[in-house]
Amino acid sequence: MVDASDADGVELTLFVNGASDLSARAIANARRLCDSSPGGPFHLVLIDVAENPASLRANQILAVPTLARTKPLPVRKVVGDLSEPSRVLIALGLDIPTPVPAPRAEA
């Protein structure tokens, strides 16, 4: 598992195809994931494969939308609209720190 709190942060690349509803949903979900997940920093790169079709072959993308954790290596990928953030983080191998509950004071 990758600790997202590493000094270099995590780079995520989202591959979408044009301005479809599915692409818009994936972009919104990826941004929400980056903004709301503790342990960043996350850097999100968006690539529209309609404008840059060579990126499909160069990054071995078979379907879009695809979110790839490109740094740190190894690259890990998730396909879909990213609507379940906890599953996306697990699939990307991101070990997001969970808050430790404060000890309860005894009366």
PDB file of N, CA and C in Angstrom:
ATOM      1  N   MET A   1       0.833  -1.183   0.000  1.00  0.00           N
ATOM      2  CA  MET A   1       0.000   0.000   0.000  1.00  0.00           C
ATOM      3  C   MET A   1       0.878   1.247   0.000  1.00  0.00           C
ATOM      4  N   VAL A   2       0.436   2.255  -0.700  1.00  0.00           N
ATOM      5  CA  VAL A   2       1.137   3.532  -0.767  1.00  0.00           C
ATOM      6  C   VAL A   2       0.555   4.445   0.280  1.00  0.00           C
ATOM      7  N   ASP A   3       1.400   5.084   1.044  1.00  0.00           N
ATOM      8  CA  ASP A   3       0.946   6.062   2.017  1.00  0.00           C
ATOM      9  C   ASP A   3       0.795   7.395   1.303  1.00  0.00           C
ATOM     10  N   ALA A   4      -0.427   7.901   1.198  1.00  0.00           N
ATOM     11  CA  ALA A   4      -0.689   9.136   0.459  1.00  0.00           C
ATOM     12  C   ALA A   4      -0.080  10.349   1.133  1.00  0.00           C
ATOM     13  N   SER A   5       0.424  10.202   2.340  1.00  0.00           N
ATOM     14  CA  SER A   5       1.017  11.342   3.021  1.00  0.00           C
ATOM     15  C   SER A   5       2.506  11.488   2.716  1.00  0.00           C
ATOM     16  N   ASP A   6       3.043  10.682   1.790  1.00  0.00           N
ATOM     17  CA  ASP A   6       4.446  10.821   1.386  1.00  0.00           C
ATOM     18  C   ASP A   6       4.712  12.241   0.923  1.00  0.00           C
ATOM     19  N   ALA A   7       5.935  12.700   1.087  1.00  0.00           N
ATOM     20  CA  ALA A   7       6.289  14.082   0.776  1.00  0.00           C
ATOM     21  C   ALA A   7       6.030  14.450  -0.682  1.00  0.00           C
ATOM     22  N   ASP A   8       6.227  13.519  -1.599  1.00  0.00           N
ATOM     23  CA  ASP A   8       6.040  13.817  -3.015  1.00  0.00           C
ATOM     24  C   ASP A   8       4.579  13.820  -3.423  1.00  0.00           C
ATOM     25  N   GLY A   9       3.722  13.286  -2.598  1.00  0.00           N
ATOM     26  CA  GLY A   9       2.308  13.233  -2.931  1.00  0.00           C
ATOM     27  C   GLY A   9       2.025  12.139  -3.940  1.00  0.00           C
ATOM     28  N   VAL A  10       0.805  12.158  -4.436  1.00  0.00           N
ATOM     29  CA  VAL A  10       0.335  11.145  -5.362  1.00  0.00           C
ATOM     30  C   VAL A  10      -0.165  11.844  -6.616  1.00  0.00           C
ATOM     31  N   GLU A  11       0.262  11.339  -7.782  1.00  0.00           N
ATOM     32  CA  GLU A  11      -0.230  11.886  -9.033  1.00  0.00           C
ATOM     33  C   GLU A  11      -1.251  10.927  -9.618  1.00  0.00           C
ATOM     34  N   LEU A  12      -2.439  11.452  -9.890  1.00  0.00           N
ATOM     35  CA  LEU A  12      -3.519  10.693 -10.502  1.00  0.00           C
ATOM     36  C   LEU A  12      -3.780  11.273 -11.881  1.00  0.00           C
ATOM     37  N   THR A  13      -3.964  10.417 -12.869  1.00  0.00           N
ATOM     38  CA  THR A  13      -4.278  10.853 -14.226  1.00  0.00           C
ATOM     39  C   THR A  13      -5.619  10.264 -14.610  1.00  0.00           C
ATOM     40  N   LEU A  14      -6.544  11.144 -15.001  1.00  0.00           N
ATOM     41  CA  LEU A  14      -7.875  10.708 -15.409  1.00  0.00           C
ATOM     42  C   LEU A  14      -7.997  10.834 -16.918  1.00  0.00           C
ATOM     43  N   PHE A  15      -8.274   9.707 -17.562  1.00  0.00           N
ATOM     44  CA  PHE A  15      -8.467   9.660 -19.009  1.00  0.00           C
ATOM     45  C   PHE A  15      -9.969   9.644 -19.278  1.00  0.00           C
ATOM     46  N   VAL A  16     -10.458  10.632 -20.045  1.00  0.00           N
ATOM     47  CA  VAL A  16     -11.875  10.726 -20.391  1.00  0.00           C
ATOM     48  C   VAL A  16     -12.007  10.896 -21.897  1.00  0.00           C
ATOM     49  N   ASN A  17     -13.242  10.760 -22.381  1.00  0.00           N
ATOM     50  CA  ASN A  17     -13.490  10.908 -23.806  1.00  0.00           C
ATOM     51  C   ASN A  17     -14.513  12.007 -24.029  1.00  0.00           C
ATOM     52  N   GLY A  18     -14.037  13.209 -24.308  1.00  0.00           N
ATOM     53  CA  GLY A  18     -14.917  14.322 -24.629  1.00  0.00           C
ATOM     54  C   GLY A  18     -15.756  14.787 -23.458  1.00  0.00           C
ATOM     55  N   ALA A  19     -16.890  15.397 -23.802  1.00  0.00           N
ATOM     56  CA  ALA A  19     -17.746  16.028 -22.794  1.00  0.00           C
ATOM     57  C   ALA A  19     -18.993  15.204 -22.522  1.00  0.00           C
ATOM     58  N   SER A  20     -18.869  13.897 -22.489  1.00  0.00           N
ATOM     59  CA  SER A  20     -20.022  13.043 -22.227  1.00  0.00           C
ATOM     60  C   SER A  20     -20.436  13.141 -20.760  1.00  0.00           C
ATOM     61  N   ASP A  21     -21.650  12.667 -20.458  1.00  0.00           N
ATOM     62  CA  ASP A  21     -22.125  12.660 -19.071  1.00  0.00           C
ATOM     63  C   ASP A  21     -21.229  11.787 -18.196  1.00  0.00           C
ATOM     64  N   LEU A  22     -20.810  10.650 -18.724  1.00  0.00           N
ATOM     65  CA  LEU A  22     -19.943   9.748 -17.966  1.00  0.00           C
ATOM     66  C   LEU A  22     -18.601  10.406 -17.670  1.00  0.00           C
ATOM     67  N   SER A  23     -18.049  11.108 -18.634  1.00  0.00           N
ATOM     68  CA  SER A  23     -16.778  11.816 -18.421  1.00  0.00           C
ATOM     69  C   SER A  23     -16.946  12.908 -17.369  1.00  0.00           C
ATOM     70  N   ALA A  24     -18.034  13.674 -17.463  1.00  0.00           N
ATOM     71  CA  ALA A  24     -18.277  14.753 -16.497  1.00  0.00           C
ATOM     72  C   ALA A  24     -18.428  14.195 -15.087  1.00  0.00           C
ATOM     73  N   ARG A  25     -19.128  13.075 -14.950  1.00  0.00           N
ATOM     74  CA  ARG A  25     -19.309  12.446 -13.643  1.00  0.00           C
ATOM     75  C   ARG A  25     -17.972  11.957 -13.089  1.00  0.00           C
ATOM     76  N   ALA A  26     -17.150  11.346 -13.951  1.00  0.00           N
ATOM     77  CA  ALA A  26     -15.842  10.859 -13.514  1.00  0.00           C
ATOM     78  C   ALA A  26     -14.936  12.016 -13.093  1.00  0.00           C
ATOM     79  N   ILE A  27     -14.968  13.119 -13.830  1.00  0.00           N
ATOM     80  CA  ILE A  27     -14.152  14.290 -13.475  1.00  0.00           C
ATOM     81  C   ILE A  27     -14.582  14.841 -12.118  1.00  0.00           C
ATOM     82  N   ALA A  28     -15.892  14.995 -11.927  1.00  0.00           N
ATOM     83  CA  ALA A  28     -16.403  15.521 -10.649  1.00  0.00           C
ATOM     84  C   ALA A  28     -16.032  14.594  -9.497  1.00  0.00           C
ATOM     85  N   ASN A  29     -16.181  13.289  -9.700  1.00  0.00           N
ATOM     86  CA  ASN A  29     -15.854  12.330  -8.643  1.00  0.00           C
ATOM     87  C   ASN A  29     -14.360  12.307  -8.344  1.00  0.00           C
ATOM     88  N   ALA A  30     -13.518  12.415  -9.374  1.00  0.00           N
ATOM     89  CA  ALA A  30     -12.064  12.432  -9.156  1.00  0.00           C
ATOM     90  C   ALA A  30     -11.651  13.683  -8.388  1.00  0.00           C
ATOM     91  N   ARG A  31     -12.229  14.822  -8.740  1.00  0.00           N
ATOM     92  CA  ARG A  31     -11.902  16.062  -8.020  1.00  0.00           C
ATOM     93  C   ARG A  31     -12.358  15.979  -6.567  1.00  0.00           C
ATOM     94  N   ARG A  32     -13.548  15.432  -6.358  1.00  0.00           N
ATOM     95  CA  ARG A  32     -14.057  15.272  -4.995  1.00  0.00           C
ATOM     96  C   ARG A  32     -13.157  14.335  -4.203  1.00  0.00           C
ATOM     97  N   LEU A  33     -12.713  13.278  -4.837  1.00  0.00           N
ATOM     98  CA  LEU A  33     -11.819  12.316  -4.193  1.00  0.00           C
ATOM     99  C   LEU A  33     -10.525  13.002  -3.755  1.00  0.00           C
ATOM    100  N   CYS A  34      -9.954  13.805  -4.641  1.00  0.00           N
ATOM    101  CA  CYS A  34      -8.696  14.502  -4.337  1.00  0.00           C
ATOM    102  C   CYS A  34      -8.893  15.548  -3.249  1.00  0.00           C
ATOM    103  N   ASP A  35     -10.028  16.252  -3.278  1.00  0.00           N
ATOM    104  CA  ASP A  35     -10.265  17.333  -2.317  1.00  0.00           C
ATOM    105  C   ASP A  35     -10.664  16.828  -0.937  1.00  0.00           C
ATOM    106  N   SER A  36     -11.361  15.696  -0.873  1.00  0.00           N
ATOM    107  CA  SER A  36     -11.913  15.271   0.406  1.00  0.00           C
ATOM    108  C   SER A  36     -11.143  14.146   1.086  1.00  0.00           C
ATOM    109  N   SER A  37     -10.218  13.525   0.403  1.00  0.00           N
ATOM    110  CA  SER A  37      -9.473  12.421   0.997  1.00  0.00           C
ATOM    111  C   SER A  37      -8.329  12.950   1.840  1.00  0.00           C
ATOM    112  N   PRO A  38      -8.243  12.489   3.094  1.00  0.00           N
ATOM    113  CA  PRO A  38      -7.136  12.929   3.936  1.00  0.00           C
ATOM    114  C   PRO A  38      -5.824  12.317   3.451  1.00  0.00           C
ATOM    115  N   GLY A  39      -4.742  12.915   3.849  1.00  0.00           N
ATOM    116  CA  GLY A  39      -3.445  12.325   3.559  1.00  0.00           C
ATOM    117  C   GLY A  39      -2.846  12.716   2.234  1.00  0.00           C
ATOM    118  N   GLY A  40      -3.363  13.768   1.564  1.00  0.00           N
ATOM    119  CA  GLY A  40      -2.811  14.218   0.298  1.00  0.00           C
ATOM    120  C   GLY A  40      -1.348  14.585   0.463  1.00  0.00           C
ATOM    121  N   PRO A  41      -0.756  15.311  -0.391  1.00  0.00           N
ATOM    122  CA  PRO A  41      -1.396  15.995  -1.508  1.00  0.00           C
ATOM    123  C   PRO A  41      -1.603  15.082  -2.707  1.00  0.00           C
ATOM    124  N   PHE A  42      -2.708  15.322  -3.401  1.00  0.00           N
ATOM    125  CA  PHE A  42      -3.000  14.641  -4.650  1.00  0.00           C
ATOM    126  C   PHE A  42      -2.871  15.651  -5.775  1.00  0.00           C
ATOM    127  N   HIS A  43      -2.295  15.219  -6.879  1.00  0.00           N
ATOM    128  CA  HIS A  43      -2.206  16.063  -8.076  1.00  0.00           C
ATOM    129  C   HIS A  43      -2.977  15.334  -9.162  1.00  0.00           C
ATOM    130  N   LEU A  44      -4.027  15.989  -9.704  1.00  0.00           N
ATOM    131  CA  LEU A  44      -4.879  15.370 -10.707  1.00  0.00           C
ATOM    132  C   LEU A  44      -4.580  15.944 -12.083  1.00  0.00           C
ATOM    133  N   VAL A  45      -4.297  15.059 -13.041  1.00  0.00           N
ATOM    134  CA  VAL A  45      -4.057  15.427 -14.428  1.00  0.00           C
ATOM    135  C   VAL A  45      -5.218  14.876 -15.248  1.00  0.00           C
ATOM    136  N   LEU A  46      -5.838  15.724 -16.078  1.00  0.00           N
ATOM    137  CA  LEU A  46      -6.935  15.294 -16.946  1.00  0.00           C
ATOM    138  C   LEU A  46      -6.438  15.164 -18.379  1.00  0.00           C
ATOM    139  N   ILE A  47      -6.753  14.042 -19.027  1.00  0.00           N
ATOM    140  CA  ILE A  47      -6.393  13.835 -20.429  1.00  0.00           C
ATOM    141  C   ILE A  47      -7.661  13.446 -21.180  1.00  0.00           C
ATOM    142  N   ASP A  48      -8.023  14.253 -22.168  1.00  0.00           N
ATOM    143  CA  ASP A  48      -9.152  13.951 -23.033  1.00  0.00           C
ATOM    144  C   ASP A  48      -8.620  13.169 -24.232  1.00  0.00           C
ATOM    145  N   VAL A  49      -8.988  11.900 -24.313  1.00  0.00           N
ATOM    146  CA  VAL A  49      -8.440  11.055 -25.369  1.00  0.00           C
ATOM    147  C   VAL A  49      -9.008  11.410 -26.742  1.00  0.00           C
ATOM    148  N   ALA A  50     -10.103  12.174 -26.784  1.00  0.00           N
ATOM    149  CA  ALA A  50     -10.619  12.649 -28.069  1.00  0.00           C
ATOM    150  C   ALA A  50      -9.660  13.670 -28.677  1.00  0.00           C
ATOM    151  N   GLU A  51      -9.005  14.441 -27.823  1.00  0.00           N
ATOM    152  CA  GLU A  51      -8.034  15.433 -28.275  1.00  0.00           C
ATOM    153  C   GLU A  51      -6.628  14.855 -28.386  1.00  0.00           C
ATOM    154  N   ASN A  52      -6.361  13.776 -27.668  1.00  0.00           N
ATOM    155  CA  ASN A  52      -5.029  13.187 -27.635  1.00  0.00           C
ATOM    156  C   ASN A  52      -5.145  11.662 -27.718  1.00  0.00           C
ATOM    157  N   PRO A  53      -5.551  11.123 -28.881  1.00  0.00           N
ATOM    158  CA  PRO A  53      -5.753   9.671 -28.989  1.00  0.00           C
ATOM    159  C   PRO A  53      -4.480   8.851 -28.798  1.00  0.00           C
ATOM    160  N   ALA A  54      -3.328   9.425 -29.046  1.00  0.00           N
ATOM    161  CA  ALA A  54      -2.073   8.687 -28.858  1.00  0.00           C
ATOM    162  C   ALA A  54      -1.844   8.331 -27.392  1.00  0.00           C
ATOM    163  N   SER A  55      -2.482   9.069 -26.479  1.00  0.00           N
ATOM    164  CA  SER A  55      -2.313   8.795 -25.051  1.00  0.00           C
ATOM    165  C   SER A  55      -2.903   7.440 -24.660  1.00  0.00           C
ATOM    166  N   LEU A  56      -3.873   6.937 -25.434  1.00  0.00           N
ATOM    167  CA  LEU A  56      -4.448   5.619 -25.150  1.00  0.00           C
ATOM    168  C   LEU A  56      -3.385   4.532 -25.248  1.00  0.00           C
ATOM    169  N   ARG A  57      -2.682   4.529 -26.358  1.00  0.00           N
ATOM    170  CA  ARG A  57      -1.656   3.507 -26.575  1.00  0.00           C
ATOM    171  C   ARG A  57      -0.456   3.733 -25.647  1.00  0.00           C
ATOM    172  N   ALA A  58      -0.044   4.972 -25.518  1.00  0.00           N
ATOM    173  CA  ALA A  58       1.133   5.277 -24.703  1.00  0.00           C
ATOM    174  C   ALA A  58       0.940   4.876 -23.237  1.00  0.00           C
ATOM    175  N   ASN A  59      -0.306   4.951 -22.751  1.00  0.00           N
ATOM    176  CA  ASN A  59      -0.586   4.644 -21.343  1.00  0.00           C
ATOM    177  C   ASN A  59      -1.324   3.328 -21.153  1.00  0.00           C
ATOM    178  N   GLN A  60      -1.457   2.572 -22.230  1.00  0.00           N
ATOM    179  CA  GLN A  60      -2.119   1.266 -22.217  1.00  0.00           C
ATOM    180  C   GLN A  60      -3.523   1.354 -21.612  1.00  0.00           C
ATOM    181  N   ILE A  61      -4.313   2.294 -22.140  1.00  0.00           N
ATOM    182  CA  ILE A  61      -5.686   2.500 -21.687  1.00  0.00           C
ATOM    183  C   ILE A  61      -6.614   1.759 -22.641  1.00  0.00           C
ATOM    184  N   LEU A  62      -7.460   0.890 -22.091  1.00  0.00           N
ATOM    185  CA  LEU A  62      -8.377   0.097 -22.899  1.00  0.00           C
ATOM    186  C   LEU A  62      -9.802   0.630 -22.883  1.00  0.00           C
ATOM    187  N   ALA A  63     -10.166   1.375 -21.840  1.00  0.00           N
ATOM    188  CA  ALA A  63     -11.518   1.906 -21.706  1.00  0.00           C
ATOM    189  C   ALA A  63     -11.440   3.242 -20.970  1.00  0.00           C
ATOM    190  N   VAL A  64     -12.427   4.087 -21.222  1.00  0.00           N
ATOM    191  CA  VAL A  64     -12.496   5.361 -20.517  1.00  0.00           C
ATOM    192  C   VAL A  64     -13.890   5.515 -19.931  1.00  0.00           C
ATOM    193  N   PRO A  65     -14.047   6.201 -18.816  1.00  0.00           N
ATOM    194  CA  PRO A  65     -12.989   6.867 -18.060  1.00  0.00           C
ATOM    195  C   PRO A  65     -12.134   5.875 -17.277  1.00  0.00           C
ATOM    196  N   THR A  66     -10.857   6.185 -17.203  1.00  0.00           N
ATOM    197  CA  THR A  66      -9.894   5.428 -16.411  1.00  0.00           C
ATOM    198  C   THR A  66      -9.112   6.399 -15.541  1.00  0.00           C
ATOM    199  N   LEU A  67      -9.017   6.078 -14.256  1.00  0.00           N
ATOM    200  CA  LEU A  67      -8.189   6.852 -13.339  1.00  0.00           C
ATOM    201  C   LEU A  67      -6.956   6.022 -13.032  1.00  0.00           C
ATOM    202  N   ALA A  68      -5.781   6.595 -13.263  1.00  0.00           N
ATOM    203  CA  ALA A  68      -4.523   5.893 -13.027  1.00  0.00           C
ATOM    204  C   ALA A  68      -3.718   6.615 -11.962  1.00  0.00           C
ATOM    205  N   ARG A  69      -3.190   5.835 -11.024  1.00  0.00           N
ATOM    206  CA  ARG A  69      -2.204   6.390 -10.091  1.00  0.00           C
ATOM    207  C   ARG A  69      -0.876   6.241 -10.802  1.00  0.00           C
ATOM    208  N   THR A  70      -0.324   7.372 -11.260  1.00  0.00           N
ATOM    209  CA  THR A  70       0.897   7.323 -12.053  1.00  0.00           C
ATOM    210  C   THR A  70       2.152   7.548 -11.221  1.00  0.00           C
ATOM    211  N   LYS A  71       2.018   8.153 -10.078  1.00  0.00           N
ATOM    212  CA  LYS A  71       3.136   8.320  -9.142  1.00  0.00           C
ATOM    213  C   LYS A  71       2.581   8.153  -7.753  1.00  0.00           C
ATOM    214  N   PRO A  72       3.255   7.451  -6.912  1.00  0.00           N
ATOM    215  CA  PRO A  72       4.473   6.667  -7.109  1.00  0.00           C
ATOM    216  C   PRO A  72       4.178   5.379  -7.877  1.00  0.00           C
ATOM    217  N   LEU A  73       5.243   4.826  -8.425  1.00  0.00           N
ATOM    218  CA  LEU A  73       5.128   3.575  -9.159  1.00  0.00           C
ATOM    219  C   LEU A  73       4.887   2.430  -8.193  1.00  0.00           C
ATOM    220  N   PRO A  74       4.306   1.349  -8.604  1.00  0.00           N
ATOM    221  CA  PRO A  74       3.839   1.004  -9.930  1.00  0.00           C
ATOM    222  C   PRO A  74       2.505   1.685 -10.241  1.00  0.00           C
ATOM    223  N   VAL A  75       2.229   1.823 -11.533  1.00  0.00           N
ATOM    224  CA  VAL A  75       0.974   2.413 -11.980  1.00  0.00           C
ATOM    225  C   VAL A  75      -0.161   1.455 -11.637  1.00  0.00           C
ATOM    226  N   ARG A  76      -1.261   2.020 -11.127  1.00  0.00           N
ATOM    227  CA  ARG A  76      -2.478   1.235 -10.851  1.00  0.00           C
ATOM    228  C   ARG A  76      -3.641   1.962 -11.489  1.00  0.00           C
ATOM    229  N   LYS A  77      -4.624   1.217 -12.022  1.00  0.00           N
ATOM    230  CA  LYS A  77      -5.718   1.821 -12.778  1.00  0.00           C
ATOM    231  C   LYS A  77      -7.073   1.334 -12.288  1.00  0.00           C
ATOM    232  N   VAL A  78      -8.063   2.241 -12.406  1.00  0.00           N
ATOM    233  CA  VAL A  78      -9.459   1.936 -12.098  1.00  0.00           C
ATOM    234  C   VAL A  78     -10.301   2.461 -13.253  1.00  0.00           C
ATOM    235  N   VAL A  79     -11.219   1.639 -13.755  1.00  0.00           N
ATOM    236  CA  VAL A  79     -12.097   2.035 -14.846  1.00  0.00           C
ATOM    237  C   VAL A  79     -13.496   2.277 -14.285  1.00  0.00           C
ATOM    238  N   GLY A  80     -14.135   3.364 -14.722  1.00  0.00           N
ATOM    239  CA  GLY A  80     -15.505   3.635 -14.313  1.00  0.00           C
ATOM    240  C   GLY A  80     -15.694   5.091 -13.935  1.00  0.00           C
ATOM    241  N   ASP A  81     -16.870   5.393 -13.367  1.00  0.00           N
ATOM    242  CA  ASP A  81     -17.191   6.784 -13.046  1.00  0.00           C
ATOM    243  C   ASP A  81     -16.699   7.210 -11.663  1.00  0.00           C
ATOM    244  N   LEU A  82     -16.043   6.301 -10.930  1.00  0.00           N
ATOM    245  CA  LEU A  82     -15.396   6.609  -9.648  1.00  0.00           C
ATOM    246  C   LEU A  82     -16.406   7.004  -8.571  1.00  0.00           C
ATOM    247  N   SER A  83     -17.607   6.447  -8.630  1.00  0.00           N
ATOM    248  CA  SER A  83     -18.674   6.850  -7.722  1.00  0.00           C
ATOM    249  C   SER A  83     -18.551   6.272  -6.316  1.00  0.00           C
ATOM    250  N   GLU A  84     -17.647   5.322  -6.103  1.00  0.00           N
ATOM    251  CA  GLU A  84     -17.443   4.761  -4.770  1.00  0.00           C
ATOM    252  C   GLU A  84     -16.006   5.049  -4.323  1.00  0.00           C
ATOM    253  N   PRO A  85     -15.799   6.208  -3.682  1.00  0.00           N
ATOM    254  CA  PRO A  85     -14.436   6.654  -3.357  1.00  0.00           C
ATOM    255  C   PRO A  85     -13.612   5.656  -2.551  1.00  0.00           C
ATOM    256  N   SER A  86     -14.208   4.984  -1.578  1.00  0.00           N
ATOM    257  CA  SER A  86     -13.413   4.059  -0.764  1.00  0.00           C
ATOM    258  C   SER A  86     -12.902   2.896  -1.604  1.00  0.00           C
ATOM    259  N   ARG A  87     -13.717   2.400  -2.532  1.00  0.00           N
ATOM    260  CA  ARG A  87     -13.278   1.317  -3.401  1.00  0.00           C
ATOM    261  C   ARG A  87     -12.210   1.793  -4.382  1.00  0.00           C
ATOM    262  N   VAL A  88     -12.334   3.034  -4.849  1.00  0.00           N
ATOM    263  CA  VAL A  88     -11.336   3.598  -5.760  1.00  0.00           C
ATOM    264  C   VAL A  88      -9.986   3.689  -5.055  1.00  0.00           C
ATOM    265  N   LEU A  89      -9.982   4.214  -3.826  1.00  0.00           N
ATOM    266  CA  LEU A  89      -8.734   4.347  -3.074  1.00  0.00           C
ATOM    267  C   LEU A  89      -8.083   2.991  -2.832  1.00  0.00           C
ATOM    268  N   ILE A  90      -8.890   2.001  -2.491  1.00  0.00           N
ATOM    269  CA  ILE A  90      -8.354   0.654  -2.269  1.00  0.00           C
ATOM    270  C   ILE A  90      -7.780   0.095  -3.567  1.00  0.00           C
ATOM    271  N   ALA A  91      -8.513   0.255  -4.671  1.00  0.00           N
ATOM    272  CA  ALA A  91      -8.055  -0.271  -5.956  1.00  0.00           C
ATOM    273  C   ALA A  91      -6.759   0.394  -6.416  1.00  0.00           C
ATOM    274  N   LEU A  92      -6.595   1.662  -6.062  1.00  0.00           N
ATOM    275  CA  LEU A  92      -5.373   2.380  -6.439  1.00  0.00           C
ATOM    276  C   LEU A  92      -4.224   2.105  -5.480  1.00  0.00           C
ATOM    277  N   GLY A  93      -4.498   1.331  -4.438  1.00  0.00           N
ATOM    278  CA  GLY A  93      -3.451   0.989  -3.485  1.00  0.00           C
ATOM    279  C   GLY A  93      -3.048   2.135  -2.592  1.00  0.00           C
ATOM    280  N   LEU A  94      -3.993   3.041  -2.339  1.00  0.00           N
ATOM    281  CA  LEU A  94      -3.690   4.188  -1.486  1.00  0.00           C
ATOM    282  C   LEU A  94      -4.084   3.877  -0.052  1.00  0.00           C
ATOM    283  N   ASP A  95      -3.134   3.953   0.825  1.00  0.00           N
ATOM    284  CA  ASP A  95      -3.355   3.687   2.233  1.00  0.00           C
ATOM    285  C   ASP A  95      -3.674   5.012   2.900  1.00  0.00           C
ATOM    286  N   ILE A  96      -4.941   5.343   2.953  1.00  0.00           N
ATOM    287  CA  ILE A  96      -5.358   6.612   3.534  1.00  0.00           C
ATOM    288  C   ILE A  96      -5.417   6.444   5.046  1.00  0.00           C
ATOM    289  N   PRO A  97      -4.706   7.296   5.783  1.00  0.00           N
ATOM    290  CA  PRO A  97      -4.709   7.162   7.239  1.00  0.00           C
ATOM    291  C   PRO A  97      -6.098   7.419   7.796  1.00  0.00           C
ATOM    292  N   THR A  98      -6.517   6.569   8.714  1.00  0.00           N
ATOM    293  CA  THR A  98      -7.803   6.758   9.372  1.00  0.00           C
ATOM    294  C   THR A  98      -7.563   7.427  10.709  1.00  0.00           C
ATOM    295  N   PRO A  99      -8.454   8.327  11.107  1.00  0.00           N
ATOM    296  CA  PRO A  99      -8.251   9.009  12.379  1.00  0.00           C
ATOM    297  C   PRO A  99      -8.323   8.025  13.542  1.00  0.00           C
ATOM    298  N   VAL A 100      -7.458   8.233  14.502  1.00  0.00           N
ATOM    299  CA  VAL A 100      -7.444   7.394  15.691  1.00  0.00           C
ATOM    300  C   VAL A 100      -8.385   8.032  16.696  1.00  0.00           C
ATOM    301  N   PRO A 101      -9.352   7.253  17.224  1.00  0.00           N
ATOM    302  CA  PRO A 101     -10.276   7.838  18.179  1.00  0.00           C
ATOM    303  C   PRO A 101      -9.557   8.236  19.456  1.00  0.00           C
ATOM    304  N   ALA A 102      -9.999   9.354  20.019  1.00  0.00           N
ATOM    305  CA  ALA A 102      -9.403   9.851  21.258  1.00  0.00           C
ATOM    306  C   ALA A 102      -9.795   8.904  22.393  1.00  0.00           C
ATOM    307  N   PRO A 103      -8.884   8.691  23.335  1.00  0.00           N
ATOM    308  CA  PRO A 103      -9.227   7.826  24.453  1.00  0.00           C
ATOM    309  C   PRO A 103     -10.347   8.456  25.276  1.00  0.00           C
ATOM    310  N   ARG A 104     -11.237   7.596  25.753  1.00  0.00           N
ATOM    311  CA  ARG A 104     -12.349   8.089  26.565  1.00  0.00           C
ATOM    312  C   ARG A 104     -11.880   8.295  27.994  1.00  0.00           C
ATOM    313  N   ALA A 105     -12.307   9.409  28.552  1.00  0.00           N
ATOM    314  CA  ALA A 105     -11.956   9.710  29.954  1.00  0.00           C
ATOM    315  C   ALA A 105     -12.869   8.916  30.859  1.00  0.00           C
ATOM    316  N   GLU A 106     -12.286   8.294  31.863  1.00  0.00           N
ATOM    317  CA  GLU A 106     -13.087   7.526  32.818  1.00  0.00           C
ATOM    318  C   GLU A 106     -13.599   8.448  33.893  1.00  0.00           C
ATOM    319  N   ALA A 107     -14.840   8.254  34.272  1.00  0.00           N
ATOM    320  CA  ALA A 107     -15.463   9.115  35.294  1.00  0.00           C
ATOM    321  C   ALA A 107     -15.253   8.613  36.671  1.00  0.00           C
TER     322      ALA A 107
END
